[in-house]
Structures are given as structure tokens and as C-alpha cells.
Amino acid sequence: MTGTAFAEVTDNADHDRFEWWRGGELVGILGYFENEDIESEEGVVPDWDRVTVSFLHTIVADEYCGLGFEPVLVAAALERARSYRWLVRPVCTHVRRYLAEHAEFGDVSTAA
């Protein structure tokens, strides 16, 4: 579980998603999907000792949209991916944007 003043992010593996909880209410999710035999967009085969997982979509409750909370969920999910030794295939635009702005997560991304 990852927490900040604004969020508590958990991995709900049964539903293939990270969940952002605030005050006991589910206010955001980041869905993922485990891939098999996938290459990066540049055709580079990832490290096969690691699982490649697509981060598909980030959804935040309407009252939190546009307030800058999406990056909180994305960062927590990427930290968890790192701890799981996952390689992340960023499908979601929120995840793509975050990775483009945060080179420190280059070790967990299949995007160059």
C-alpha cells in the first residue's frame, strides 16, 4: 500500500488494477494487463526475466479530474511495478505523459 496526504493506492490483482482510495472511497483506478511475448514499440525485446504489463487506462472520479491527482496514481503504480520487477508498456496517455516527464522511471518502461 502506498499512501500520501491525498491518496492510498493499493493493487487489486483480482481486478488487474491499482486503486486510489481517499477517505474510504474509491476515487481512481489504473487498469493493467499482463502481456506475453511482446516487444516494445521500437521492436526491442524486453528482459524475459521480467513480466511485461500494459498500463491500459487511468480513470479518476469526476470531482478529482483536472486537479493534478492522476500523476499521484500513476507514480504509485510505477513504484509498485518497479517493486514487482515489471516492465511497463504504457498504453494510457496519462502514463505516457508521466514517463516522458519523469526519466527516473525509465528502468520500468518498454518505451524508449
N, C-alpha and C. Protein backbone atom coordinates (compact mmCIF):
# COMPACT_ATOMS: atom_id res chain seq x y z
N MET A 1 0.83 -1.18 0.00
CA MET A 1 0.00 0.00 0.00
C MET A 1 0.88 1.24 0.00
N THR A 2 0.58 2.17 -0.88
CA THR A 2 1.31 3.43 -0.95
C THR A 2 0.37 4.53 -0.54
N GLY A 3 0.80 5.44 0.35
CA GLY A 3 -0.09 6.49 0.78
C GLY A 3 0.56 7.85 0.76
N THR A 4 -0.24 8.87 0.54
CA THR A 4 0.20 10.25 0.66
C THR A 4 -0.90 10.98 1.40
N ALA A 5 -0.73 12.27 1.58
CA ALA A 5 -1.78 13.06 2.23
C ALA A 5 -3.06 13.01 1.42
N PHE A 6 -2.96 12.72 0.13
CA PHE A 6 -4.13 12.75 -0.74
C PHE A 6 -4.62 11.38 -1.16
N ALA A 7 -3.82 10.34 -0.96
CA ALA A 7 -4.19 9.08 -1.57
C ALA A 7 -3.65 7.88 -0.81
N GLU A 8 -4.34 6.80 -1.00
CA GLU A 8 -3.88 5.49 -0.57
C GLU A 8 -4.05 4.60 -1.79
N VAL A 9 -2.96 4.12 -2.35
CA VAL A 9 -3.01 3.34 -3.58
C VAL A 9 -2.70 1.88 -3.26
N THR A 10 -3.60 1.00 -3.70
CA THR A 10 -3.44 -0.43 -3.48
C THR A 10 -3.48 -1.16 -4.82
N ASP A 11 -2.96 -2.37 -4.84
CA ASP A 11 -3.01 -3.21 -6.03
C ASP A 11 -4.12 -4.23 -5.83
N ASN A 12 -5.16 -4.13 -6.64
CA ASN A 12 -6.25 -5.11 -6.61
C ASN A 12 -5.99 -6.08 -7.76
N ALA A 13 -5.13 -7.06 -7.51
CA ALA A 13 -4.71 -8.01 -8.54
C ALA A 13 -5.88 -8.84 -9.06
N ASP A 14 -6.90 -9.07 -8.25
CA ASP A 14 -8.06 -9.82 -8.71
C ASP A 14 -8.79 -9.11 -9.85
N HIS A 15 -8.69 -7.78 -9.88
CA HIS A 15 -9.34 -6.99 -10.92
C HIS A 15 -8.33 -6.33 -11.87
N ASP A 16 -7.05 -6.72 -11.76
CA ASP A 16 -5.99 -6.19 -12.62
C ASP A 16 -5.99 -4.67 -12.65
N ARG A 17 -5.94 -4.08 -11.47
CA ARG A 17 -5.91 -2.62 -11.42
C ARG A 17 -5.34 -2.14 -10.09
N PHE A 18 -4.74 -0.94 -10.18
CA PHE A 18 -4.36 -0.22 -8.98
C PHE A 18 -5.54 0.65 -8.61
N GLU A 19 -5.80 0.77 -7.32
CA GLU A 19 -6.94 1.57 -6.87
C GLU A 19 -6.47 2.69 -5.97
N TRP A 20 -7.03 3.85 -6.18
CA TRP A 20 -6.73 5.02 -5.35
C TRP A 20 -7.93 5.25 -4.44
N TRP A 21 -7.68 5.18 -3.16
CA TRP A 21 -8.72 5.34 -2.14
C TRP A 21 -8.48 6.64 -1.38
N ARG A 22 -9.54 7.35 -1.12
CA ARG A 22 -9.46 8.58 -0.32
C ARG A 22 -10.64 8.58 0.64
N GLY A 23 -10.35 8.59 1.93
CA GLY A 23 -11.42 8.60 2.93
C GLY A 23 -12.35 7.42 2.81
N GLY A 24 -11.81 6.24 2.45
CA GLY A 24 -12.63 5.04 2.34
C GLY A 24 -13.42 4.95 1.04
N GLU A 25 -13.26 5.91 0.15
CA GLU A 25 -13.99 5.93 -1.11
C GLU A 25 -13.02 5.67 -2.28
N LEU A 26 -13.41 4.78 -3.19
CA LEU A 26 -12.62 4.52 -4.38
C LEU A 26 -12.79 5.70 -5.33
N VAL A 27 -11.68 6.41 -5.59
CA VAL A 27 -11.77 7.62 -6.43
C VAL A 27 -10.96 7.54 -7.71
N GLY A 28 -10.21 6.46 -7.91
CA GLY A 28 -9.46 6.33 -9.15
C GLY A 28 -8.93 4.92 -9.33
N ILE A 29 -8.74 4.56 -10.60
CA ILE A 29 -8.15 3.26 -10.92
C ILE A 29 -7.17 3.41 -12.07
N LEU A 30 -6.20 2.51 -12.11
CA LEU A 30 -5.29 2.39 -13.24
C LEU A 30 -5.27 0.91 -13.59
N GLY A 31 -5.89 0.57 -14.73
CA GLY A 31 -6.01 -0.82 -15.14
C GLY A 31 -4.75 -1.32 -15.83
N TYR A 32 -4.44 -2.59 -15.63
CA TYR A 32 -3.27 -3.18 -16.27
C TYR A 32 -3.59 -4.57 -16.80
N PHE A 33 -2.71 -5.05 -17.69
CA PHE A 33 -2.88 -6.35 -18.32
C PHE A 33 -1.51 -6.97 -18.53
N GLU A 34 -1.33 -8.20 -18.06
CA GLU A 34 -0.05 -8.89 -18.25
C GLU A 34 0.04 -9.39 -19.68
N ASN A 35 1.15 -9.06 -20.33
CA ASN A 35 1.38 -9.43 -21.73
C ASN A 35 2.29 -10.64 -21.81
N GLU A 36 2.18 -11.36 -22.92
CA GLU A 36 3.10 -12.45 -23.22
C GLU A 36 3.73 -12.17 -24.57
N ASP A 37 5.03 -12.44 -24.68
CA ASP A 37 5.75 -12.33 -25.96
C ASP A 37 5.51 -10.99 -26.65
N ILE A 38 5.74 -9.92 -25.94
CA ILE A 38 5.51 -8.60 -26.51
C ILE A 38 6.84 -7.89 -26.72
N GLU A 39 6.91 -7.09 -27.74
CA GLU A 39 8.08 -6.26 -28.00
C GLU A 39 7.71 -4.82 -27.71
N SER A 40 8.71 -4.01 -27.46
CA SER A 40 8.47 -2.58 -27.28
C SER A 40 8.09 -1.98 -28.63
N GLU A 41 7.65 -0.74 -28.62
CA GLU A 41 7.24 -0.06 -29.84
C GLU A 41 8.39 0.05 -30.83
N GLU A 42 9.62 0.04 -30.33
CA GLU A 42 10.78 0.14 -31.19
C GLU A 42 11.27 -1.23 -31.64
N GLY A 43 10.55 -2.30 -31.29
CA GLY A 43 10.93 -3.64 -31.69
C GLY A 43 12.00 -4.28 -30.83
N VAL A 44 12.28 -3.68 -29.67
CA VAL A 44 13.30 -4.22 -28.77
C VAL A 44 12.64 -5.24 -27.85
N VAL A 45 13.17 -6.44 -27.82
CA VAL A 45 12.61 -7.47 -26.95
C VAL A 45 13.01 -7.17 -25.52
N PRO A 46 12.03 -7.09 -24.62
CA PRO A 46 12.34 -6.80 -23.22
C PRO A 46 13.11 -7.93 -22.54
N ASP A 47 13.56 -7.68 -21.33
CA ASP A 47 14.24 -8.66 -20.49
C ASP A 47 13.23 -9.75 -20.13
N TRP A 48 13.43 -10.96 -20.64
CA TRP A 48 12.44 -12.02 -20.45
C TRP A 48 12.38 -12.55 -19.02
N ASP A 49 13.31 -12.11 -18.18
CA ASP A 49 13.24 -12.49 -16.77
C ASP A 49 12.22 -11.62 -16.02
N ARG A 50 11.68 -10.64 -16.72
CA ARG A 50 10.69 -9.75 -16.12
C ARG A 50 9.38 -9.86 -16.89
N VAL A 51 8.30 -9.67 -16.20
CA VAL A 51 6.96 -9.70 -16.81
C VAL A 51 6.68 -8.34 -17.42
N THR A 52 6.12 -8.33 -18.64
CA THR A 52 5.70 -7.09 -19.27
C THR A 52 4.21 -6.90 -19.02
N VAL A 53 3.87 -5.72 -18.51
CA VAL A 53 2.49 -5.41 -18.15
C VAL A 53 2.09 -4.11 -18.84
N SER A 54 0.96 -4.13 -19.54
CA SER A 54 0.44 -2.92 -20.16
C SER A 54 -0.36 -2.13 -19.13
N PHE A 55 -0.06 -0.85 -19.01
CA PHE A 55 -0.88 0.05 -18.20
C PHE A 55 -1.88 0.67 -19.17
N LEU A 56 -3.13 0.25 -19.06
CA LEU A 56 -4.14 0.49 -20.09
C LEU A 56 -4.89 1.81 -19.97
N HIS A 57 -5.34 2.13 -18.79
CA HIS A 57 -6.18 3.33 -18.64
C HIS A 57 -6.13 3.82 -17.20
N THR A 58 -6.26 5.11 -17.06
CA THR A 58 -6.35 5.75 -15.74
C THR A 58 -7.68 6.48 -15.69
N ILE A 59 -8.47 6.17 -14.68
CA ILE A 59 -9.77 6.81 -14.51
C ILE A 59 -9.83 7.39 -13.11
N VAL A 60 -10.22 8.66 -13.03
CA VAL A 60 -10.35 9.34 -11.75
C VAL A 60 -11.77 9.90 -11.66
N ALA A 61 -12.36 9.83 -10.48
CA ALA A 61 -13.72 10.35 -10.27
C ALA A 61 -13.81 11.81 -10.73
N ASP A 62 -14.96 12.17 -11.26
CA ASP A 62 -15.17 13.50 -11.85
C ASP A 62 -14.71 14.64 -10.95
N GLU A 63 -15.00 14.55 -9.67
CA GLU A 63 -14.65 15.66 -8.77
C GLU A 63 -13.15 15.82 -8.56
N TYR A 64 -12.35 14.84 -9.00
CA TYR A 64 -10.89 14.92 -8.88
C TYR A 64 -10.19 15.15 -10.22
N CYS A 65 -10.93 15.07 -11.31
CA CYS A 65 -10.35 15.26 -12.64
C CYS A 65 -9.83 16.69 -12.81
N GLY A 66 -8.70 16.79 -13.47
CA GLY A 66 -8.14 18.10 -13.78
C GLY A 66 -7.51 18.81 -12.60
N LEU A 67 -7.42 18.15 -11.46
CA LEU A 67 -6.82 18.77 -10.27
C LEU A 67 -5.39 18.29 -10.03
N GLY A 68 -4.87 17.52 -10.97
CA GLY A 68 -3.49 17.06 -10.86
C GLY A 68 -3.31 15.80 -10.03
N PHE A 69 -4.38 15.07 -9.77
CA PHE A 69 -4.28 13.86 -8.96
C PHE A 69 -3.92 12.62 -9.77
N GLU A 70 -4.13 12.65 -11.08
CA GLU A 70 -3.78 11.49 -11.90
C GLU A 70 -2.32 11.10 -11.74
N PRO A 71 -1.39 12.06 -11.72
CA PRO A 71 0.02 11.69 -11.53
C PRO A 71 0.31 10.98 -10.21
N VAL A 72 -0.48 11.26 -9.18
CA VAL A 72 -0.30 10.58 -7.89
C VAL A 72 -0.54 9.08 -8.07
N LEU A 73 -1.61 8.76 -8.78
CA LEU A 73 -1.95 7.36 -9.03
C LEU A 73 -0.93 6.71 -9.95
N VAL A 74 -0.54 7.39 -11.01
CA VAL A 74 0.44 6.85 -11.96
C VAL A 74 1.78 6.61 -11.26
N ALA A 75 2.27 7.56 -10.49
CA ALA A 75 3.55 7.41 -9.80
C ALA A 75 3.52 6.22 -8.84
N ALA A 76 2.44 6.09 -8.08
CA ALA A 76 2.33 4.97 -7.14
C ALA A 76 2.30 3.64 -7.89
N ALA A 77 1.61 3.59 -9.03
CA ALA A 77 1.55 2.36 -9.82
C ALA A 77 2.93 2.01 -10.38
N LEU A 78 3.66 3.01 -10.85
CA LEU A 78 5.00 2.77 -11.38
C LEU A 78 5.96 2.32 -10.28
N GLU A 79 5.84 2.88 -9.10
CA GLU A 79 6.67 2.43 -7.97
C GLU A 79 6.37 0.96 -7.65
N ARG A 80 5.09 0.62 -7.67
CA ARG A 80 4.72 -0.77 -7.41
C ARG A 80 5.25 -1.68 -8.51
N ALA A 81 5.14 -1.24 -9.76
CA ALA A 81 5.66 -2.03 -10.88
C ALA A 81 7.16 -2.28 -10.70
N ARG A 82 7.87 -1.26 -10.27
CA ARG A 82 9.31 -1.41 -10.02
C ARG A 82 9.55 -2.46 -8.94
N SER A 83 8.79 -2.41 -7.86
CA SER A 83 8.98 -3.37 -6.77
C SER A 83 8.63 -4.79 -7.21
N TYR A 84 7.72 -4.93 -8.18
CA TYR A 84 7.36 -6.25 -8.73
C TYR A 84 8.33 -6.70 -9.82
N ARG A 85 9.25 -5.83 -10.23
CA ARG A 85 10.17 -6.07 -11.34
C ARG A 85 9.43 -6.22 -12.67
N TRP A 86 8.33 -5.49 -12.83
CA TRP A 86 7.58 -5.47 -14.08
C TRP A 86 8.23 -4.50 -15.05
N LEU A 87 8.07 -4.78 -16.34
CA LEU A 87 8.33 -3.81 -17.39
C LEU A 87 6.96 -3.28 -17.81
N VAL A 88 6.80 -1.99 -17.82
CA VAL A 88 5.51 -1.38 -18.12
C VAL A 88 5.45 -0.96 -19.58
N ARG A 89 4.42 -1.40 -20.27
CA ARG A 89 4.12 -0.95 -21.63
C ARG A 89 3.05 0.14 -21.48
N PRO A 90 3.42 1.40 -21.66
CA PRO A 90 2.48 2.50 -21.40
C PRO A 90 1.50 2.71 -22.55
N VAL A 91 0.28 2.23 -22.38
CA VAL A 91 -0.78 2.43 -23.36
C VAL A 91 -1.56 3.70 -23.02
N CYS A 92 -1.83 3.90 -21.77
CA CYS A 92 -2.60 5.05 -21.27
C CYS A 92 -1.84 6.36 -21.50
N THR A 93 -2.56 7.38 -21.96
CA THR A 93 -1.91 8.68 -22.21
C THR A 93 -1.39 9.32 -20.92
N HIS A 94 -2.07 9.13 -19.81
CA HIS A 94 -1.57 9.68 -18.53
C HIS A 94 -0.22 9.05 -18.18
N VAL A 95 -0.11 7.75 -18.39
CA VAL A 95 1.14 7.05 -18.08
C VAL A 95 2.23 7.48 -19.05
N ARG A 96 1.90 7.56 -20.33
CA ARG A 96 2.88 8.01 -21.34
C ARG A 96 3.42 9.40 -20.99
N ARG A 97 2.51 10.31 -20.67
CA ARG A 97 2.91 11.68 -20.33
C ARG A 97 3.79 11.69 -19.09
N TYR A 98 3.41 10.93 -18.08
CA TYR A 98 4.19 10.90 -16.84
C TYR A 98 5.60 10.36 -17.11
N LEU A 99 5.69 9.28 -17.87
CA LEU A 99 7.00 8.71 -18.18
C LEU A 99 7.87 9.68 -18.99
N ALA A 100 7.26 10.42 -19.89
CA ALA A 100 8.01 11.39 -20.69
C ALA A 100 8.60 12.50 -19.83
N GLU A 101 7.93 12.80 -18.72
CA GLU A 101 8.37 13.88 -17.83
C GLU A 101 9.20 13.40 -16.64
N HIS A 102 9.30 12.08 -16.45
CA HIS A 102 9.99 11.52 -15.28
C HIS A 102 10.94 10.40 -15.71
N ALA A 103 12.13 10.80 -16.13
CA ALA A 103 13.13 9.84 -16.62
C ALA A 103 13.53 8.83 -15.55
N GLU A 104 13.29 9.12 -14.30
CA GLU A 104 13.67 8.19 -13.23
C GLU A 104 12.92 6.87 -13.30
N PHE A 105 11.85 6.81 -14.11
CA PHE A 105 11.12 5.56 -14.27
C PHE A 105 11.47 4.83 -15.57
N GLY A 106 12.55 5.26 -16.24
CA GLY A 106 12.96 4.62 -17.48
C GLY A 106 13.27 3.14 -17.32
N ASP A 107 13.68 2.74 -16.13
CA ASP A 107 14.03 1.33 -15.90
C ASP A 107 12.82 0.41 -15.85
N VAL A 108 11.62 0.97 -15.76
CA VAL A 108 10.43 0.12 -15.70
C VAL A 108 9.59 0.20 -16.97
N SER A 109 10.00 0.98 -17.94
CA SER A 109 9.20 1.21 -19.13
C SER A 109 9.79 0.53 -20.36
N THR A 110 8.91 0.00 -21.22
CA THR A 110 9.35 -0.56 -22.50
C THR A 110 9.50 0.54 -23.54
N ALA A 111 8.97 1.73 -23.27
CA ALA A 111 9.10 2.87 -24.20
C ALA A 111 10.50 3.45 -24.07
N ALA A 112 11.08 3.81 -25.20
CA ALA A 112 12.43 4.39 -25.17
C ALA A 112 12.35 5.88 -24.92
